[in-house]
N, C-alpha and C. Protein backbone atom coordinates (compact mmCIF):
# COMPACT_ATOMS: atom_id res chain seq x y z
N MET A 1 45.83 0.91 -28.93
CA MET A 1 45.13 0.65 -30.06
C MET A 1 44.69 -1.23 -30.98
N ASP A 2 43.53 -1.34 -31.36
CA ASP A 2 44.19 -2.53 -32.03
C ASP A 2 43.77 -1.72 -33.98
N ALA A 3 43.74 -2.96 -34.13
CA ALA A 3 44.27 -3.18 -35.65
C ALA A 3 43.71 -2.39 -36.97
N PHE A 4 41.79 -1.99 -36.12
CA PHE A 4 41.36 -0.78 -37.02
C PHE A 4 40.60 -0.12 -36.36
N GLY A 5 42.19 0.23 -35.40
CA GLY A 5 42.25 1.90 -35.07
C GLY A 5 40.84 2.34 -33.89
N GLY A 6 41.07 1.23 -32.98
CA GLY A 6 40.07 1.15 -32.11
C GLY A 6 40.95 1.19 -30.82
N ARG A 7 40.51 2.07 -29.60
CA ARG A 7 41.02 1.65 -28.41
C ARG A 7 40.51 0.40 -27.67
N THR A 8 41.74 -0.12 -27.18
CA THR A 8 41.50 -2.03 -26.20
C THR A 8 41.83 -1.11 -24.90
N SER A 9 40.97 -2.25 -23.81
CA SER A 9 40.79 -2.10 -22.71
C SER A 9 43.05 -2.51 -22.37
N GLY A 10 42.81 -1.41 -21.44
CA GLY A 10 44.25 -2.13 -20.90
C GLY A 10 44.58 -2.90 -19.94
N ASN A 11 43.25 -3.26 -19.59
CA ASN A 11 43.58 -4.74 -18.93
C ASN A 11 43.42 -6.22 -19.23
N GLY A 12 43.71 -5.89 -20.56
CA GLY A 12 43.32 -7.17 -21.25
C GLY A 12 42.07 -7.58 -21.58
N SER A 13 41.38 -7.84 -20.66
CA SER A 13 40.19 -8.77 -20.52
C SER A 13 39.21 -7.64 -20.47
N ASP A 14 37.91 -8.34 -21.50
CA ASP A 14 36.70 -8.07 -21.66
C ASP A 14 36.07 -8.29 -20.79
N ARG A 15 35.41 -6.95 -20.75
CA ARG A 15 34.30 -7.68 -19.50
C ARG A 15 32.79 -6.74 -19.78
N ALA A 16 32.13 -7.34 -19.53
CA ALA A 16 30.66 -6.83 -20.02
C ALA A 16 30.37 -5.61 -18.75
N SER A 17 29.57 -4.37 -19.36
CA SER A 17 29.61 -3.39 -18.09
C SER A 17 27.94 -3.36 -16.92
N PRO A 18 28.01 -3.46 -15.82
CA PRO A 18 26.62 -4.13 -15.03
C PRO A 18 25.70 -3.92 -15.83
N GLY A 19 25.46 -2.70 -16.27
CA GLY A 19 23.60 -2.72 -17.04
C GLY A 19 23.89 -3.64 -18.28
N VAL A 20 24.67 -4.48 -19.46
CA VAL A 20 24.64 -4.84 -19.47
C VAL A 20 23.96 -6.42 -19.45
N LEU A 21 24.08 -7.02 -18.54
CA LEU A 21 24.49 -7.73 -17.55
C LEU A 21 22.84 -7.79 -17.14
N VAL A 22 22.44 -6.89 -16.30
CA VAL A 22 21.01 -6.59 -16.23
C VAL A 22 20.68 -6.80 -16.95
N LEU A 23 20.32 -5.75 -18.01
CA LEU A 23 19.82 -5.90 -19.08
C LEU A 23 19.69 -7.74 -19.73
N PHE A 24 20.67 -8.67 -20.47
CA PHE A 24 20.85 -9.85 -20.30
C PHE A 24 19.73 -10.23 -19.14
N THR A 25 20.22 -10.24 -17.98
CA THR A 25 19.34 -11.38 -17.52
C THR A 25 17.52 -11.21 -17.06
N LEU A 26 17.44 -9.65 -17.45
CA LEU A 26 15.96 -8.93 -17.62
C LEU A 26 15.10 -9.57 -18.19
N ALA A 27 15.72 -9.56 -19.81
CA ALA A 27 15.26 -10.50 -20.87
C ALA A 27 15.29 -12.08 -20.68
N ALA A 28 16.62 -11.96 -20.06
CA ALA A 28 15.76 -14.44 -19.41
C ALA A 28 15.16 -14.31 -18.93
N ILE A 29 14.93 -13.96 -17.77
CA ILE A 29 13.51 -13.38 -16.50
C ILE A 29 12.32 -13.41 -17.86
N GLY A 30 12.28 -12.35 -18.32
CA GLY A 30 11.14 -12.70 -19.57
C GLY A 30 10.98 -13.30 -20.14
N MET A 31 11.57 -13.48 -20.80
CA MET A 31 11.61 -15.15 -21.67
C MET A 31 11.54 -16.27 -21.19
N ILE A 32 11.43 -16.76 -19.84
CA ILE A 32 11.53 -18.44 -19.28
C ILE A 32 9.72 -17.70 -18.87
N VAL A 33 9.40 -15.87 -17.84
CA VAL A 33 8.12 -15.83 -17.88
C VAL A 33 7.30 -16.38 -18.34
N GLY A 34 7.57 -15.60 -19.94
CA GLY A 34 6.74 -15.97 -21.44
C GLY A 34 5.88 -16.71 -21.65
N SER A 35 7.24 -17.88 -21.65
CA SER A 35 7.49 -19.04 -22.00
C SER A 35 6.34 -19.54 -21.41
N ILE A 36 6.60 -19.64 -19.57
CA ILE A 36 5.47 -20.50 -18.89
C ILE A 36 3.88 -20.38 -19.61
N GLY A 37 3.87 -18.25 -19.04
CA GLY A 37 2.99 -18.03 -19.68
C GLY A 37 2.47 -18.85 -21.05
N LEU A 38 2.98 -19.37 -21.85
CA LEU A 38 2.21 -19.39 -23.03
C LEU A 38 2.19 -20.60 -22.95
N SER A 39 2.73 -21.30 -22.86
CA SER A 39 2.56 -23.19 -22.55
C SER A 39 0.88 -22.93 -21.69
N ARG A 40 1.15 -22.17 -20.74
CA ARG A 40 -0.28 -22.44 -19.73
C ARG A 40 -1.62 -22.57 -21.12
N VAL A 41 -1.18 -21.05 -22.02
CA VAL A 41 -2.75 -21.07 -23.20
C VAL A 41 -2.43 -22.52 -24.53
N VAL A 42 -1.53 -23.04 -24.74
CA VAL A 42 -1.31 -23.66 -25.72
C VAL A 42 -2.17 -25.12 -25.24
N GLY A 43 -2.48 -25.16 -25.98
CA GLY A 43 -2.67 -26.66 -26.18
C GLY A 43 -4.21 -27.16 -25.18
N GLN A 44 -4.19 -25.26 -24.30
CA GLN A 44 -5.82 -25.22 -24.32
C GLN A 44 -7.23 -25.67 -25.62
N PRO A 45 -8.58 -25.80 -24.44
CA PRO A 45 -9.79 -26.07 -25.74
C PRO A 45 -10.11 -24.50 -25.83
N GLU A 46 -9.76 -23.89 -27.43
CA GLU A 46 -10.84 -22.59 -27.17
C GLU A 46 -11.98 -22.15 -26.52
N PRO A 47 -11.75 -21.37 -25.83
CA PRO A 47 -13.23 -20.80 -24.42
C PRO A 47 -14.30 -20.51 -26.06
N SER A 48 -15.50 -21.49 -25.04
CA SER A 48 -16.40 -21.38 -24.91
C SER A 48 -17.24 -19.78 -24.75
N GLN A 49 -18.48 -19.31 -25.94
CA GLN A 49 -18.99 -18.56 -25.16
C GLN A 49 -20.30 -19.19 -24.63
N HIS A 50 -20.90 -18.49 -23.55
CA HIS A 50 -22.49 -19.24 -23.23
C HIS A 50 -23.18 -18.24 -22.96
N PHE A 51 -24.49 -18.30 -23.09
CA PHE A 51 -25.74 -17.21 -23.58
C PHE A 51 -26.80 -17.56 -22.34
N ILE A 52 -26.77 -16.86 -22.01
CA ILE A 52 -28.30 -17.49 -20.67
C ILE A 52 -29.04 -15.86 -21.05
N THR A 53 -30.56 -16.13 -21.72
CA THR A 53 -32.26 -15.18 -21.74
C THR A 53 -32.37 -15.06 -20.84
N ILE A 54 -33.26 -14.52 -19.56
CA ILE A 54 -33.84 -14.35 -18.64
C ILE A 54 -34.97 -13.99 -18.98
N PRO A 55 -36.00 -14.79 -19.09
CA PRO A 55 -36.98 -13.94 -19.93
C PRO A 55 -38.06 -13.15 -19.00
N LEU A 56 -39.25 -12.13 -20.12
CA LEU A 56 -40.08 -11.06 -19.45
C LEU A 56 -40.52 -12.18 -18.22
N GLY A 57 -41.38 -11.59 -17.56
CA GLY A 57 -42.16 -12.25 -16.99
C GLY A 57 -41.88 -13.63 -15.61
N THR A 58 -40.75 -13.65 -15.56
CA THR A 58 -39.33 -14.75 -14.81
C THR A 58 -39.47 -14.72 -13.62
N ALA A 59 -39.80 -13.14 -12.99
CA ALA A 59 -40.07 -12.91 -11.48
C ALA A 59 -41.29 -13.04 -11.08
N MET A 60 -42.28 -13.07 -11.62
CA MET A 60 -43.68 -12.89 -11.52
C MET A 60 -44.10 -14.59 -11.48
N ARG A 61 -43.28 -15.10 -12.68
CA ARG A 61 -43.23 -16.86 -12.31
C ARG A 61 -43.14 -17.36 -10.55
N LEU A 62 -41.47 -17.06 -10.57
CA LEU A 62 -41.13 -17.36 -9.60
C LEU A 62 -42.04 -17.45 -8.61
N SER A 63 -42.27 -15.82 -8.14
CA SER A 63 -42.98 -16.08 -7.02
C SER A 63 -43.89 -16.05 -6.12
N SER A 64 -44.60 -16.56 -7.79
CA SER A 64 -45.99 -17.23 -8.32
C SER A 64 -45.78 -19.38 -7.96
N GLY A 65 -44.48 -19.30 -7.53
CA GLY A 65 -44.51 -20.37 -7.05
C GLY A 65 -43.97 -21.51 -8.02
N ILE A 66 -44.07 -21.34 -9.61
CA ILE A 66 -43.91 -21.73 -10.96
C ILE A 66 -42.29 -21.52 -11.02
N ASP A 67 -41.78 -23.49 -10.72
CA ASP A 67 -39.95 -23.55 -11.57
C ASP A 67 -39.63 -23.11 -12.58
N VAL A 68 -39.00 -21.98 -12.74
CA VAL A 68 -38.32 -22.04 -14.23
C VAL A 68 -37.27 -22.41 -14.44
N ASP A 69 -36.86 -23.00 -15.37
CA ASP A 69 -35.77 -23.93 -15.71
C ASP A 69 -34.41 -23.13 -16.39
N ILE A 70 -34.02 -22.19 -16.33
CA ILE A 70 -33.22 -21.28 -16.65
C ILE A 70 -31.71 -21.82 -16.50
N ILE A 71 -31.22 -22.02 -15.43
CA ILE A 71 -30.18 -22.40 -15.62
C ILE A 71 -29.80 -23.59 -14.47
N PRO A 72 -28.17 -24.61 -14.41
CA PRO A 72 -28.44 -25.59 -13.76
C PRO A 72 -28.10 -24.63 -12.50
N VAL A 73 -28.32 -25.56 -11.71
CA VAL A 73 -27.68 -25.11 -10.00
C VAL A 73 -26.52 -25.05 -9.95
N ASP A 74 -25.67 -26.17 -10.87
CA ASP A 74 -24.51 -26.14 -11.01
C ASP A 74 -23.96 -25.38 -12.94
N LEU A 75 -23.78 -24.68 -12.73
CA LEU A 75 -23.00 -23.79 -13.50
C LEU A 75 -21.29 -23.90 -13.77
N ASP A 76 -21.20 -24.85 -14.88
CA ASP A 76 -19.56 -25.11 -14.79
C ASP A 76 -18.63 -24.54 -16.66
N PHE A 77 -17.77 -23.88 -15.52
CA PHE A 77 -17.39 -23.08 -17.45
C PHE A 77 -15.57 -23.28 -16.78
N ARG A 78 -14.55 -23.39 -17.85
CA ARG A 78 -13.51 -22.92 -18.20
C ARG A 78 -12.62 -21.78 -18.24
N LEU A 79 -11.80 -21.91 -17.98
CA LEU A 79 -10.67 -19.97 -17.90
C LEU A 79 -10.85 -20.17 -19.75
N ARG A 80 -11.29 -18.38 -19.06
CA ARG A 80 -11.22 -18.33 -20.54
C ARG A 80 -12.81 -17.80 -21.10
N ASP A 81 -13.75 -18.80 -21.08
CA ASP A 81 -15.00 -18.68 -20.82
C ASP A 81 -15.60 -17.77 -20.64
N HIS A 82 -16.33 -17.40 -21.66
CA HIS A 82 -17.13 -15.61 -21.78
C HIS A 82 -18.86 -15.96 -21.71
N LEU A 83 -19.07 -15.26 -20.36
CA LEU A 83 -20.67 -15.66 -19.82
C LEU A 83 -21.66 -14.42 -20.39
N THR A 84 -21.88 -14.46 -21.27
CA THR A 84 -23.56 -13.43 -21.21
C THR A 84 -24.62 -13.52 -20.50
N VAL A 85 -25.33 -12.37 -19.83
CA VAL A 85 -26.63 -12.75 -19.14
C VAL A 85 -27.46 -11.60 -19.73
N MET A 86 -28.56 -11.87 -20.82
CA MET A 86 -29.58 -11.03 -21.11
C MET A 86 -30.32 -11.15 -20.05
N ASN A 87 -30.96 -9.47 -19.20
CA ASN A 87 -32.22 -10.10 -18.32
C ASN A 87 -32.64 -8.62 -19.34
N ASP A 88 -34.36 -10.36 -19.75
CA ASP A 88 -35.02 -9.06 -20.52
C ASP A 88 -36.65 -9.11 -19.68
N ASP A 89 -36.21 -9.19 -18.18
CA ASP A 89 -37.63 -9.47 -16.84
C ASP A 89 -37.39 -8.02 -16.42
N SER A 90 -38.52 -7.96 -16.02
CA SER A 90 -38.50 -6.53 -15.66
C SER A 90 -38.31 -6.29 -13.99
N ALA A 91 -37.41 -7.84 -13.73
CA ALA A 91 -36.96 -7.30 -12.20
C ALA A 91 -35.66 -7.38 -12.26
N ASP A 92 -34.82 -6.97 -11.01
CA ASP A 92 -33.31 -7.45 -11.24
C ASP A 92 -33.21 -8.82 -11.14
N HIS A 93 -32.06 -9.65 -11.41
CA HIS A 93 -31.81 -11.18 -10.82
C HIS A 93 -30.76 -11.00 -10.74
N GLN A 94 -29.58 -11.86 -9.24
CA GLN A 94 -28.50 -12.25 -9.39
C GLN A 94 -28.18 -14.05 -9.23
N ILE A 95 -27.31 -14.09 -9.79
CA ILE A 95 -26.50 -15.42 -10.63
C ILE A 95 -25.26 -15.55 -9.61
N GLY A 96 -25.44 -15.75 -8.28
CA GLY A 96 -23.93 -15.32 -7.92
C GLY A 96 -23.84 -14.34 -7.46
N PRO A 97 -22.46 -14.26 -7.66
CA PRO A 97 -22.06 -12.31 -6.84
C PRO A 97 -22.04 -11.72 -8.14
N PHE A 98 -23.09 -12.04 -9.26
CA PHE A 98 -23.42 -11.14 -10.74
C PHE A 98 -24.78 -10.45 -10.16
N VAL A 99 -24.84 -9.47 -10.52
CA VAL A 99 -26.03 -8.63 -10.35
C VAL A 99 -27.01 -8.08 -11.93
N ILE A 100 -27.89 -8.65 -12.60
CA ILE A 100 -27.69 -8.39 -13.60
C ILE A 100 -29.51 -7.61 -13.68
N PRO A 101 -29.28 -6.27 -14.15
CA PRO A 101 -30.28 -5.28 -13.60
C PRO A 101 -31.82 -5.57 -14.68
N ALA A 102 -32.84 -4.86 -14.19
CA ALA A 102 -34.27 -5.61 -15.42
C ALA A 102 -33.44 -4.54 -16.47
N GLY A 103 -33.51 -5.40 -18.05
CA GLY A 103 -33.48 -4.98 -19.08
C GLY A 103 -32.17 -4.58 -18.97
N GLY A 104 -31.43 -4.95 -18.57
CA GLY A 104 -29.69 -5.18 -18.14
C GLY A 104 -28.66 -6.64 -18.68
N ARG A 105 -27.60 -6.18 -19.27
CA ARG A 105 -26.48 -7.36 -19.81
C ARG A 105 -25.53 -7.82 -18.94
N LEU A 106 -24.94 -8.49 -18.18
CA LEU A 106 -23.82 -9.19 -17.80
C LEU A 106 -22.99 -10.19 -18.59
N ASP A 107 -21.80 -9.45 -19.15
CA ASP A 107 -20.58 -9.92 -20.19
C ASP A 107 -19.34 -9.83 -19.37
N THR A 108 -19.08 -11.09 -18.89
CA THR A 108 -17.89 -11.57 -18.08
C THR A 108 -16.73 -12.69 -18.58
N ARG A 109 -15.93 -12.90 -18.64
CA ARG A 109 -14.55 -13.77 -19.45
C ARG A 109 -14.23 -14.11 -17.62
N PHE A 110 -14.09 -15.97 -17.44
CA PHE A 110 -13.65 -16.17 -16.79
C PHE A 110 -12.04 -16.37 -16.46
N ALA A 111 -11.16 -15.28 -15.79
CA ALA A 111 -10.00 -15.42 -16.06
C ALA A 111 -9.18 -16.08 -15.65
N GLU A 112 -10.04 -16.42 -13.89
CA GLU A 112 -8.83 -17.48 -12.96
C GLU A 112 -9.86 -18.61 -11.83
N ALA A 113 -8.84 -20.11 -12.31
CA ALA A 113 -9.75 -20.93 -11.33
C ALA A 113 -10.78 -20.40 -10.19
N ALA A 114 -11.74 -21.00 -10.00
CA ALA A 114 -12.33 -20.65 -9.19
C ALA A 114 -13.25 -21.12 -8.18
N THR A 115 -13.92 -21.91 -7.51
CA THR A 115 -15.77 -22.02 -7.23
C THR A 115 -16.13 -20.90 -6.82
N LEU A 116 -17.40 -20.44 -7.11
CA LEU A 116 -18.43 -19.23 -6.69
C LEU A 116 -19.19 -19.80 -6.00
N GLU A 117 -20.34 -19.63 -5.21
CA GLU A 117 -21.18 -20.20 -4.17
C GLU A 117 -21.93 -19.00 -3.71
N GLY A 118 -23.53 -19.05 -4.26
CA GLY A 118 -24.16 -17.66 -3.75
C GLY A 118 -25.15 -17.60 -3.51
N PHE A 119 -25.98 -16.32 -3.43
CA PHE A 119 -27.60 -16.20 -4.22
C PHE A 119 -28.06 -16.77 -5.53
N CYS A 120 -28.67 -17.25 -5.67
CA CYS A 120 -29.63 -17.30 -7.20
C CYS A 120 -30.77 -16.94 -7.17
N SER A 121 -31.87 -15.49 -7.60
CA SER A 121 -33.21 -15.35 -7.96
C SER A 121 -33.84 -16.81 -8.15
N LEU A 122 -33.10 -17.47 -9.40
CA LEU A 122 -33.62 -17.89 -10.31
C LEU A 122 -33.51 -19.45 -9.73
N HIS A 123 -33.54 -19.71 -8.97
CA HIS A 123 -33.73 -21.65 -7.92
C HIS A 123 -35.20 -20.98 -6.97
N ALA A 124 -35.96 -22.13 -6.72
CA ALA A 124 -36.40 -21.62 -5.62
C ALA A 124 -35.71 -21.95 -4.52
N SER A 125 -34.60 -22.67 -4.92
CA SER A 125 -33.65 -23.07 -3.16
C SER A 125 -32.81 -22.08 -2.83
N GLY A 126 -32.26 -20.93 -3.66
CA GLY A 126 -32.00 -19.58 -3.60
C GLY A 126 -30.25 -19.64 -4.46
N ARG A 127 -29.81 -20.89 -4.30
CA ARG A 127 -28.28 -21.36 -4.44
C ARG A 127 -28.24 -21.53 -5.36
N VAL A 128 -27.02 -21.19 -6.30
CA VAL A 128 -26.14 -21.44 -7.22
C VAL A 128 -24.62 -21.95 -6.90
N THR A 129 -24.04 -22.76 -7.44
CA THR A 129 -22.85 -22.61 -7.48
C THR A 129 -21.89 -22.45 -9.41
N ILE A 130 -20.78 -21.37 -9.21
CA ILE A 130 -20.28 -21.40 -10.40
C ILE A 130 -19.10 -22.15 -10.12
N ASN A 131 -18.56 -22.98 -11.17
CA ASN A 131 -17.39 -23.61 -11.08
C ASN A 131 -16.29 -23.35 -12.25
N ILE A 132 -15.32 -22.47 -12.38
CA ILE A 132 -14.64 -22.49 -13.42
C ILE A 132 -13.51 -22.76 -12.93
N GLY A 133 -12.59 -24.20 -14.26
CA GLY A 133 -11.57 -25.15 -13.97
C GLY A 133 -10.59 -24.40 -15.20
N ASP A 134 -9.87 -24.97 -14.46
CA ASP A 134 -8.27 -24.55 -15.20
C ASP A 134 -8.01 -25.50 -17.08
N THR A 135 -9.42 -26.72 -17.27
CA THR A 135 -9.17 -26.98 -18.68
C THR A 135 -10.92 -27.03 -18.47
């Protein structure tokens, strides 16, 4: 017995149980992973909000050979940027991997760095490149 009336271990050494060690290890790993994740967000610029509106009559103008200047051929975004595309046209449109139905809306946030190339119904060339950078 110790001075407070409790029992002491008979072998004289105070060892932590394996469960406590596992919990301590998991907590340490969690703190390391959390700090790495936080360090990637801290110091980065605030995400931007990008709005694109496809006006009514766009498909008709394109089919008549009229160039519409709605978006550039190369679109540049940063991680966490938010893109909203409003399609006010009477036809569906595609911008890279995104298809926006007639009268529809696209809302997306870019969560990982990538370069997306694909078809674009808003360009005579039919191509668009979407660059999503780390910063």
